[in-house]
Every structure is written in structure tokens, then in C-alpha cells.
N, C-alpha and C. Protein backbone atom coordinates (compact mmCIF):
# COMPACT_ATOMS: atom_id res chain seq x y z
N MET A 1 -118.00 203.03 266.82
CA MET A 1 -117.47 203.94 266.84
C MET A 1 -116.20 204.53 268.10
N LYS A 2 -116.60 204.12 269.08
CA LYS A 2 -115.22 205.16 269.94
C LYS A 2 -114.70 204.06 270.33
N VAL A 3 -115.34 202.44 269.97
CA VAL A 3 -113.96 201.48 270.32
C VAL A 3 -112.74 201.54 269.11
N LYS A 4 -113.41 201.83 267.97
CA LYS A 4 -112.82 201.68 267.38
C LYS A 4 -111.38 202.48 266.91
N LYS A 5 -111.44 204.38 267.63
CA LYS A 5 -110.74 205.21 268.08
C LYS A 5 -110.03 204.84 269.22
N ILE A 6 -110.53 204.36 270.20
CA ILE A 6 -109.80 204.11 271.14
C ILE A 6 -108.30 202.89 270.91
N ILE A 7 -108.86 201.98 269.89
CA ILE A 7 -107.40 201.21 269.30
C ILE A 7 -106.95 201.29 268.15
N ALA A 8 -107.43 202.24 267.62
CA ALA A 8 -106.45 203.43 266.52
C ALA A 8 -105.75 204.08 267.95
N ALA A 9 -106.53 204.72 268.63
CA ALA A 9 -105.36 205.58 268.91
C ALA A 9 -104.38 204.74 270.54
N SER A 10 -104.67 203.75 270.81
CA SER A 10 -103.63 202.61 271.47
C SER A 10 -103.00 202.51 270.54
N LEU A 11 -102.69 201.68 268.89
CA LEU A 11 -101.73 201.56 268.17
C LEU A 11 -100.68 202.25 268.03
N ILE A 12 -101.56 203.59 267.87
CA ILE A 12 -100.44 204.56 266.95
C ILE A 12 -99.47 205.06 268.55
N ALA A 13 -100.40 205.01 269.63
CA ALA A 13 -99.44 204.97 270.56
C ALA A 13 -98.17 204.21 270.91
N MET A 14 -98.42 202.44 270.74
CA MET A 14 -97.50 201.37 271.11
C MET A 14 -96.53 201.59 269.70
N ALA A 15 -97.13 202.41 268.58
CA ALA A 15 -95.71 201.90 267.80
C ALA A 15 -94.91 203.49 267.68
N ALA A 16 -95.58 204.63 268.44
CA ALA A 16 -94.45 205.48 268.15
C ALA A 16 -93.39 205.29 269.69
N GLY A 17 -93.48 204.37 270.72
CA GLY A 17 -92.95 204.00 271.87
C GLY A 17 -91.69 202.49 270.76
N VAL A 18 -92.31 201.73 270.38
CA VAL A 18 -91.51 201.07 269.67
C VAL A 18 -90.83 201.77 268.27
N ALA A 19 -91.18 202.97 267.46
CA ALA A 19 -89.71 203.90 266.78
C ALA A 19 -88.65 204.05 266.63
N SER A 20 -89.33 204.79 267.89
CA SER A 20 -88.08 205.22 268.24
C SER A 20 -87.94 205.40 270.44
N ALA A 21 -86.45 205.27 270.25
CA ALA A 21 -86.23 205.35 272.22
C ALA A 21 -85.87 207.15 272.59
N ASP A 22 -85.99 207.15 273.44
CA ASP A 22 -85.54 208.56 274.73
C ASP A 22 -84.45 208.75 273.87
N ASP A 23 -83.31 210.06 273.45
CA ASP A 23 -82.45 210.78 273.62
C ASP A 23 -81.28 211.17 273.91
N PHE A 24 -80.56 211.37 274.83
CA PHE A 24 -79.65 212.27 275.52
C PHE A 24 -78.72 212.78 275.28
N GLN A 25 -78.56 214.40 276.05
CA GLN A 25 -77.66 215.15 275.30
C GLN A 25 -76.86 215.51 276.90
N ILE A 26 -75.65 215.50 277.72
CA ILE A 26 -75.10 215.45 278.15
C ILE A 26 -73.84 216.32 278.09
N ASP A 27 -73.67 217.30 279.46
CA ASP A 27 -71.68 217.59 279.30
C ASP A 27 -71.87 216.75 280.15
N ALA A 28 -70.84 216.42 280.42
CA ALA A 28 -69.79 215.51 280.80
C ALA A 28 -68.30 216.30 282.34
N GLY A 29 -68.89 217.64 281.61
CA GLY A 29 -67.50 218.56 281.51
C GLY A 29 -66.02 218.22 281.59
N ALA A 30 -64.96 218.31 282.75
CA ALA A 30 -63.58 218.21 281.95
C ALA A 30 -63.62 216.67 282.82
N ILE A 31 -62.82 215.97 281.71
CA ILE A 31 -62.92 214.81 282.09
C ILE A 31 -61.70 214.44 282.86
N THR A 32 -61.45 213.95 283.96
CA THR A 32 -60.13 213.74 284.80
C THR A 32 -59.24 213.11 284.46
N THR A 33 -58.17 213.24 284.84
CA THR A 33 -56.65 211.92 284.38
C THR A 33 -56.30 211.36 285.42
N ASP A 34 -57.41 211.25 286.31
CA ASP A 34 -57.65 210.22 287.78
C ASP A 34 -57.63 208.70 287.24
N VAL A 35 -57.15 207.80 286.89
CA VAL A 35 -57.23 206.51 287.16
C VAL A 35 -58.58 206.17 287.55
N MET A 36 -58.08 206.28 288.48
CA MET A 36 -59.08 205.94 289.65
C MET A 36 -60.42 206.38 289.87
N ASN A 37 -60.44 207.25 289.01
CA ASN A 37 -61.95 208.76 288.96
C ASN A 37 -62.19 208.53 288.55
N PRO A 38 -61.96 207.28 286.57
CA PRO A 38 -63.20 207.98 285.15
C PRO A 38 -64.02 208.68 285.32
N TYR A 39 -64.72 208.89 284.51
CA TYR A 39 -65.84 209.72 284.41
C TYR A 39 -66.74 208.09 283.51
N GLY A 40 -68.11 208.29 284.36
CA GLY A 40 -68.20 207.02 284.22
C GLY A 40 -70.10 207.50 283.52
N HIS A 41 -70.81 206.72 283.11
CA HIS A 41 -72.10 207.57 282.76
C HIS A 41 -73.43 205.99 282.46
N MET A 42 -73.69 205.65 283.10
CA MET A 42 -75.10 205.06 282.90
C MET A 42 -76.36 205.00 282.25
N PHE A 43 -76.35 204.45 281.03
CA PHE A 43 -77.34 205.14 279.82
C PHE A 43 -78.94 204.17 279.82
N MET A 44 -80.05 204.31 279.78
CA MET A 44 -81.05 203.62 280.43
C MET A 44 -82.03 203.97 278.95
N HIS A 45 -82.88 203.92 278.48
CA HIS A 45 -83.04 203.76 276.87
C HIS A 45 -84.96 203.01 277.12
N GLU A 46 -85.45 203.40 276.65
CA GLU A 46 -87.24 202.93 276.13
C GLU A 46 -87.24 202.44 274.81
N VAL A 47 -87.15 201.29 274.34
CA VAL A 47 -86.78 200.55 273.52
C VAL A 47 -87.40 201.67 271.80
N GLY A 48 -86.40 201.00 271.16
CA GLY A 48 -86.43 201.79 269.83
C GLY A 48 -84.43 202.32 269.40
N MET A 49 -84.47 202.86 268.15
CA MET A 49 -83.18 203.63 268.32
C MET A 49 -82.90 204.18 268.69
N PHE A 50 -81.21 204.98 269.47
CA PHE A 50 -81.44 206.11 270.07
C PHE A 50 -79.78 206.65 269.27
N THR A 51 -80.20 207.52 269.40
CA THR A 51 -78.56 208.73 269.67
C THR A 51 -78.52 209.57 271.36
N ASP A 52 -77.20 208.65 271.75
CA ASP A 52 -76.57 209.77 272.47
C ASP A 52 -75.58 210.97 272.35
N THR A 53 -75.71 211.52 272.93
CA THR A 53 -74.85 212.89 272.55
C THR A 53 -73.71 213.15 274.03
N ILE A 54 -72.63 212.83 274.30
CA ILE A 54 -71.79 213.53 275.32
C ILE A 54 -71.11 214.32 275.39
N ASP A 55 -70.75 216.18 275.97
CA ASP A 55 -69.75 216.31 275.25
C ASP A 55 -68.65 216.56 276.35
N PHE A 56 -67.20 217.04 276.25
CA PHE A 56 -66.32 216.55 277.80
C PHE A 56 -65.30 217.74 277.14
N THR A 57 -64.58 218.08 277.85
CA THR A 57 -63.27 218.42 277.55
C THR A 57 -62.26 217.54 278.06
N ILE A 58 -60.91 217.91 277.56
CA ILE A 58 -59.63 216.47 278.36
C ILE A 58 -57.85 217.88 278.90
N PRO A 59 -57.63 217.86 279.39
CA PRO A 59 -56.26 218.36 280.01
C PRO A 59 -55.51 218.39 279.10
N ALA A 60 -55.70 217.05 278.37
CA ALA A 60 -54.21 216.45 277.73
C ALA A 60 -54.78 215.47 276.60
N GLY A 61 -53.65 215.29 275.41
CA GLY A 61 -54.30 214.88 274.18
C GLY A 61 -54.81 213.21 273.90
N SER A 62 -55.05 212.92 275.17
CA SER A 62 -55.50 211.25 274.86
C SER A 62 -56.41 211.47 275.88
N LEU A 63 -57.53 209.71 275.35
CA LEU A 63 -57.75 209.83 275.95
C LEU A 63 -58.55 208.23 275.78
N GLY A 64 -58.65 207.83 277.33
CA GLY A 64 -58.85 205.85 277.23
C GLY A 64 -60.29 206.34 277.39
N SER A 65 -61.26 205.29 276.18
CA SER A 65 -62.56 205.11 276.21
C SER A 65 -63.17 203.76 276.09
N SER A 66 -64.43 203.17 277.36
CA SER A 66 -65.03 202.12 276.80
C SER A 66 -66.66 202.15 277.33
N ALA A 67 -67.21 201.76 276.52
CA ALA A 67 -68.97 201.51 276.47
C ALA A 67 -69.12 199.99 276.23
N ASN A 68 -70.29 199.49 277.13
CA ASN A 68 -70.68 198.24 277.42
C ASN A 68 -72.04 198.16 277.79
N ALA A 69 -72.88 197.33 276.44
CA ALA A 69 -74.21 197.67 276.39
C ALA A 69 -74.46 196.46 278.23
N ILE A 70 -75.81 197.10 278.98
CA ILE A 70 -75.74 195.69 279.85
C ILE A 70 -76.71 195.16 279.76
N MET A 71 -76.76 193.35 279.65
CA MET A 71 -77.78 192.33 279.00
C MET A 71 -78.29 191.90 280.69
N LEU A 72 -80.09 192.51 280.27
CA LEU A 72 -79.81 190.85 281.37
C LEU A 72 -81.59 190.48 280.17
N THR A 73 -81.60 188.67 280.61
CA THR A 73 -82.45 187.92 280.15
C THR A 73 -82.68 187.31 282.04
N LEU A 74 -84.36 186.78 281.45
CA LEU A 74 -84.94 186.34 282.35
C LEU A 74 -85.68 185.24 281.47
N GLY A 75 -85.22 183.99 282.02
CA GLY A 75 -85.80 182.45 280.89
C GLY A 75 -84.93 182.69 279.54
N ASN A 76 -85.63 182.81 278.86
CA ASN A 76 -85.97 183.03 277.19
C ASN A 76 -86.07 184.72 277.46
N THR A 77 -86.10 185.98 278.03
CA THR A 77 -86.88 186.70 277.53
C THR A 77 -85.61 187.39 277.83
N ASN A 78 -85.46 188.32 276.16
CA ASN A 78 -83.88 190.02 276.88
C ASN A 78 -85.21 190.77 277.68
N VAL A 79 -84.97 190.82 278.90
CA VAL A 79 -85.83 192.55 279.02
C VAL A 79 -84.74 193.31 279.15
N PHE A 80 -83.94 194.05 279.27
CA PHE A 80 -82.36 194.88 278.51
C PHE A 80 -82.11 194.48 277.90
N SER A 81 -81.48 195.24 276.36
CA SER A 81 -81.02 194.02 275.16
C SER A 81 -81.00 195.49 274.93
N ILE A 82 -79.69 195.79 273.74
CA ILE A 82 -78.96 196.67 273.18
C ILE A 82 -78.21 196.50 271.85
N THR A 83 -78.59 196.57 270.68
CA THR A 83 -78.11 195.95 269.61
C THR A 83 -77.00 196.80 268.47
N GLY A 84 -76.23 196.34 268.24
CA GLY A 84 -75.82 197.92 267.55
C GLY A 84 -75.08 198.29 268.17
N LEU A 85 -74.41 199.16 269.48
CA LEU A 85 -74.02 199.60 270.29
C LEU A 85 -73.00 200.27 269.43
N THR A 86 -72.52 201.61 268.99
CA THR A 86 -70.75 202.17 268.59
C THR A 86 -70.58 203.12 269.26
N TYR A 87 -70.07 204.01 269.41
CA TYR A 87 -70.05 205.42 269.80
C TYR A 87 -68.96 206.10 269.31
N SER A 88 -69.21 207.22 268.07
CA SER A 88 -68.04 208.21 267.68
C SER A 88 -67.57 209.56 268.40
N VAL A 89 -66.12 209.42 267.98
CA VAL A 89 -65.03 210.48 268.60
C VAL A 89 -64.91 211.07 267.96
N TYR A 90 -65.86 213.09 267.87
CA TYR A 90 -65.59 214.02 267.37
C TYR A 90 -65.38 215.14 267.97
N GLY A 91 -64.39 215.71 267.20
CA GLY A 91 -63.35 217.31 268.08
C GLY A 91 -64.69 218.50 268.35
N GLY A 92 -64.64 218.90 269.23
CA GLY A 92 -65.08 220.67 269.11
C GLY A 92 -66.27 219.80 269.97
N THR A 93 -67.99 220.67 270.10
CA THR A 93 -69.06 220.23 270.92
C THR A 93 -70.15 220.23 270.46
N SER A 94 -71.19 219.17 270.24
CA SER A 94 -71.67 218.49 269.65
C SER A 94 -72.39 220.28 268.93
N THR A 95 -72.44 221.68 269.47
CA THR A 95 -73.25 222.31 268.78
C THR A 95 -72.10 223.08 267.79
N ASN A 96 -70.52 223.15 268.43
CA ASN A 96 -69.86 223.51 266.89
C ASN A 96 -69.51 221.90 266.41
N ALA A 97 -69.18 221.33 266.29
CA ALA A 97 -68.98 220.16 265.29
C ALA A 97 -67.49 219.88 264.60
N GLY A 98 -66.20 219.63 265.21
CA GLY A 98 -65.02 219.42 264.63
C GLY A 98 -65.26 218.02 263.67
N PRO A 99 -63.51 217.24 263.43
CA PRO A 99 -63.21 216.14 262.83
C PRO A 99 -64.23 214.99 263.78
N TRP A 100 -64.17 213.86 262.89
CA TRP A 100 -64.27 213.24 263.18
C TRP A 100 -62.92 212.23 262.84
N TYR A 101 -62.89 211.53 264.95
CA TYR A 101 -61.00 210.61 264.57
C TYR A 101 -61.70 208.94 264.67
N ALA A 102 -62.86 208.34 265.63
CA ALA A 102 -63.11 206.81 265.40
C ALA A 102 -64.24 206.88 265.33
N THR A 103 -64.56 205.47 264.70
CA THR A 103 -65.91 204.70 265.65
C THR A 103 -65.39 203.64 266.30
N TYR A 104 -66.02 202.70 267.27
CA TYR A 104 -65.78 201.72 268.05
C TYR A 104 -67.29 201.32 268.18
N ALA A 105 -66.92 199.90 268.70
CA ALA A 105 -67.75 199.46 268.34
C ALA A 105 -68.16 199.04 270.39
N GLY A 106 -68.92 199.01 271.22
CA GLY A 106 -69.73 198.96 272.57
C GLY A 106 -69.63 197.52 273.19
N ASN A 107 -68.11 197.08 272.49
CA ASN A 107 -68.07 196.03 273.38
C ASN A 107 -66.90 195.41 274.42
N ASN A 108 -67.40 196.13 275.52
CA ASN A 108 -66.53 196.69 276.98
C ASN A 108 -64.86 196.53 276.74
N ILE A 109 -64.38 196.80 275.61
CA ILE A 109 -63.12 197.03 275.25
C ILE A 109 -62.14 198.82 275.59
N THR A 110 -61.68 198.33 275.98
CA THR A 110 -60.79 200.04 275.90
C THR A 110 -60.44 200.25 274.53
N ASN A 111 -60.63 201.80 274.44
CA ASN A 111 -60.26 201.62 273.57
C ASN A 111 -59.61 203.03 273.59
N ASP A 112 -57.92 203.53 273.21
CA ASP A 112 -56.50 204.43 273.40
C ASP A 112 -57.22 205.62 272.08
N LEU A 113 -57.34 207.19 272.22
CA LEU A 113 -57.46 207.48 271.35
C LEU A 113 -56.81 209.05 271.48
N PRO A 114 -55.21 208.63 270.33
CA PRO A 114 -54.45 209.75 271.02
C PRO A 114 -55.45 211.39 270.11
N LEU A 115 -55.61 211.97 270.72
CA LEU A 115 -56.10 213.12 270.52
C LEU A 115 -54.85 214.00 270.39
N SER A 116 -55.08 215.19 268.91
CA SER A 116 -53.86 215.51 268.77
C SER A 116 -53.82 216.90 270.70
N MET A 117 -54.74 217.48 270.82
CA MET A 117 -54.39 218.57 272.35
C MET A 117 -55.43 218.65 272.58
N ALA A 118 -55.44 219.05 274.30
CA ALA A 118 -56.71 219.76 274.77
C ALA A 118 -57.86 220.15 274.95
N GLY A 119 -58.66 220.29 274.88
CA GLY A 119 -59.73 221.37 274.56
C GLY A 119 -61.43 220.08 274.44
N ALA A 120 -62.16 220.49 273.77
CA ALA A 120 -63.12 220.03 273.87
C ALA A 120 -63.87 219.37 272.92
N TYR A 121 -64.63 218.26 273.09
CA TYR A 121 -64.06 217.10 271.99
C TYR A 121 -65.96 216.46 272.50
N HIS A 122 -66.92 215.23 271.36
CA HIS A 122 -68.06 215.22 272.14
C HIS A 122 -68.06 213.47 271.13
N ILE A 123 -69.01 212.87 272.16
CA ILE A 123 -68.45 211.38 271.58
C ILE A 123 -70.29 211.10 271.38
N ILE A 124 -70.27 210.66 270.04
CA ILE A 124 -72.06 210.22 269.46
C ILE A 124 -72.27 208.77 269.99
N VAL A 125 -73.27 207.99 270.94
CA VAL A 125 -73.78 207.02 270.74
C VAL A 125 -74.57 206.40 269.72
N THR A 126 -74.60 205.72 269.08
CA THR A 126 -75.72 204.92 268.41
C THR A 126 -76.01 203.96 268.98
N GLY A 127 -77.62 203.14 269.02
CA GLY A 127 -77.35 201.69 269.04
C GLY A 127 -79.62 201.63 268.68
N ASN A 128 -79.64 199.94 269.23
CA ASN A 128 -81.31 199.85 269.54
C ASN A 128 -81.07 199.07 270.37
N ALA A 129 -82.09 199.53 271.46
CA ALA A 129 -82.63 199.58 272.59
C ALA A 129 -84.06 198.29 271.79
N ASP A 130 -83.61 196.61 272.06
CA ASP A 130 -84.53 195.85 271.46
C ASP A 130 -84.90 194.79 272.81
N GLY A 131 -84.91 195.25 273.75
CA GLY A 131 -85.11 194.04 275.30
C GLY A 131 -86.88 194.30 275.15
N THR A 132 -87.05 193.66 275.54
CA THR A 132 -88.67 193.70 275.74
C THR A 132 -88.82 195.45 276.64
N MET A 133 -88.02 195.74 277.75
CA MET A 133 -88.56 196.93 278.28
C MET A 133 -86.76 198.02 277.84
N GLY A 134 -86.49 198.02 277.13
CA GLY A 134 -85.73 198.46 276.34
C GLY A 134 -84.21 198.20 276.57
N GLY A 135 -83.03 199.13 276.91
CA GLY A 135 -81.82 198.89 276.77
C GLY A 135 -80.87 199.42 277.56
N SER A 136 -80.13 199.23 278.36
CA SER A 136 -79.06 199.60 278.89
C SER A 136 -77.88 200.00 278.84
N TYR A 137 -76.89 200.70 278.74
CA TYR A 137 -75.27 200.63 278.44
C TYR A 137 -74.70 201.33 279.56
N ALA A 138 -73.16 201.29 279.77
CA ALA A 138 -72.06 202.55 280.51
C ALA A 138 -71.28 202.21 280.03
N ILE A 139 -70.63 203.71 280.09
CA ILE A 139 -69.48 204.61 278.93
C ILE A 139 -69.06 205.44 280.15
N SER A 140 -67.12 204.65 280.01
CA SER A 140 -66.44 205.26 280.72
C SER A 140 -65.10 205.54 280.26
N LEU A 141 -64.81 206.69 280.63
CA LEU A 141 -63.74 208.24 280.32
C LEU A 141 -62.55 208.18 280.72
N VAL A 142 -61.07 208.47 280.51
CA VAL A 142 -60.07 208.18 281.18
C VAL A 142 -59.61 209.36 279.92
N SER A 143 -58.53 211.00 280.51
CA SER A 143 -57.85 211.06 279.85
C SER A 143 -56.55 210.93 280.63
N SER A 144 -55.51 211.22 279.86
CA SER A 144 -54.06 210.61 280.01
C SER A 144 -53.01 211.69 279.69
N VAL A 145 -52.46 211.15 280.56
CA VAL A 145 -51.39 212.23 280.71
C VAL A 145 -50.26 212.21 280.58
N PRO A 146 -49.97 212.31 279.64
CA PRO A 146 -47.52 211.35 279.65
C PRO A 146 -47.25 211.47 281.01
N GLU A 147 -46.32 210.35 281.19
CA GLU A 147 -45.51 210.43 282.11
C GLU A 147 -44.78 210.93 282.13
N PRO A 148 -43.58 211.19 283.26
CA PRO A 148 -42.69 211.87 282.65
C PRO A 148 -41.06 211.84 281.76
N ALA A 149 -40.73 209.94 282.78
CA ALA A 149 -40.01 208.73 282.01
C ALA A 149 -40.94 208.71 279.79
N THR A 150 -42.17 209.65 280.02
CA THR A 150 -42.31 209.19 278.14
C THR A 150 -41.72 210.42 277.56
N TYR A 151 -41.22 211.72 278.39
CA TYR A 151 -40.22 212.30 277.70
C TYR A 151 -39.64 212.55 278.30
N GLY A 152 -38.72 212.36 278.99
CA GLY A 152 -37.13 212.34 278.70
C GLY A 152 -37.00 210.82 278.11
N MET A 153 -37.33 209.87 277.25
CA MET A 153 -37.23 209.04 276.41
C MET A 153 -37.20 210.23 274.91
N MET A 154 -38.67 210.27 274.87
CA MET A 154 -38.40 211.07 273.83
C MET A 154 -37.65 212.66 273.44
N LEU A 155 -37.01 213.05 274.39
CA LEU A 155 -35.52 213.74 274.54
C LEU A 155 -34.44 213.56 273.90
N GLY A 156 -33.73 211.79 275.06
CA GLY A 156 -33.33 210.90 274.47
C GLY A 156 -32.90 210.27 273.31
N GLY A 157 -34.14 210.40 272.99
CA GLY A 157 -34.25 210.00 271.18
C GLY A 157 -33.85 210.87 270.34
N ILE A 158 -33.93 212.53 270.42
CA ILE A 158 -33.91 213.72 269.97
C ILE A 158 -32.57 213.77 270.05
N ALA A 159 -31.65 213.84 271.23
CA ALA A 159 -30.86 213.83 271.10
C ALA A 159 -29.82 212.75 270.75
N LEU A 160 -30.43 211.47 270.37
CA LEU A 160 -29.67 210.61 269.76
C LEU A 160 -29.75 210.73 268.30
N LEU A 161 -30.41 211.04 267.31
CA LEU A 161 -30.09 211.46 266.10
C LEU A 161 -29.31 212.28 266.26
N ALA A 162 -29.47 213.92 266.81
CA ALA A 162 -28.72 214.60 267.06
C ALA A 162 -27.38 214.09 266.89
N GLY A 163 -26.81 214.18 268.13
CA GLY A 163 -26.04 213.34 267.52
C GLY A 163 -25.74 212.44 266.58
N TYR A 164 -26.09 211.57 265.85
CA TYR A 164 -25.95 210.99 264.70
C TYR A 164 -25.95 211.45 263.17
N ALA A 165 -26.68 212.72 263.36
CA ALA A 165 -26.65 213.95 261.92
C ALA A 165 -25.56 214.24 262.18
N ARG A 166 -25.32 214.86 263.64
CA ARG A 166 -24.17 215.68 263.60
C ARG A 166 -22.61 214.82 263.49
N SER A 167 -22.38 213.29 263.90
CA SER A 167 -21.02 212.83 263.51
C SER A 167 -21.50 212.73 261.42
N ARG A 168 -22.40 212.41 261.20
CA ARG A 168 -22.80 212.11 259.93
C ARG A 168 -22.12 213.17 259.01
N LYS A 169 -22.17 214.32 259.11
CA LYS A 169 -22.02 215.73 259.08
C LYS A 169 -20.26 215.48 259.10
N ALA A 170 -20.09 215.70 260.26
CA ALA A 170 -18.31 215.88 260.35
C ALA A 170 -18.15 214.79 259.11
N ARG A 171 -18.35 213.98 258.64
CA ARG A 171 -18.29 212.49 257.93
C ARG A 171 -17.88 212.68 256.28
N SER A 172 -19.05 214.22 256.54
CA SER A 172 -18.45 214.14 254.43
C SER A 172 -18.30 215.07 254.22
């Protein structure tokens, strides 16, 4: 009888470890505009599904982002692996959620997300850590400030449109 209880308790403990992984919630603070020093973080998860949340603020209205699962295979065994890695960007903080902006695959491709303004945002990262030891992924974020030349081009375009409108009005 005692052996059956021990076996049952062991099976329940193992099933709990397989059913879900640990979830993280972190505050990344203000994301820098220095492309040489982006925000970066590596997460490691136990086996199972996970949902991580990253709160942050940006000083300007755009964000460059990238996420990538980090795989480790020994022989034919996936030691660290994540399938279905995605991240979604939302306005506001995780406790005061705002609008959804976009969802991206965690495939190590840099995605530029033009946000409407500086302020608080959060990212929700989901996936399935399905390696024998779980899984890991890394994410990086960098905010960008438009170059002065961008403002110059925008003002030049507005001036051209104003000149065209004025000449058209003078003709009629």
C-alpha cells in the first residue's frame, strides 16, 4: 500500500513538471536608443508551456525587436528546445493593458514596430519548452529615435506640397 502511494505521488509530481513550465514577469525599465547596447535577456524554462511578460518604456515612438529559441541537441536528443515561440506587443503595462500592436514568430528576425508614441508597453512571450531539460530563448529590444535627416526630409516634403497647393490655387 505504501509503495503504491509513493508511486502515485511520483507520477503526479512528474506530470506536474511536464504539464506546465515556470512563467516569468519582469520589468525591463526604459529601453535604450543606443543600438550598440540594446536590452537583452535570456530565459530558461522547465519542460512545458510558458507565458512570460516583459514590461518596458520607450523614449520614442518605435521599437526594434527580435526573439530566438536557443536549441541544444546532443546526438539525436533535443536537450533544450522551444517550439511555437511567439511574442506579442501591447500598449500599457501588463497590469494596465492597452491595445495589441502585433505578434511575431520567435525566429531571430529583427522586426521594426512603429509605435504611436513614447510610453509604457509590454510583450507577452509564449511557447512550449519541449527539450528533455526544457528550453531557452533570448529576446532583444532597442528603441529608435528618428535621425535629424528624417525630420529634414519630412519638412522638405511638406514645403513641396505647400508650394504645389499654392501654385495650383494661383492658377484657378
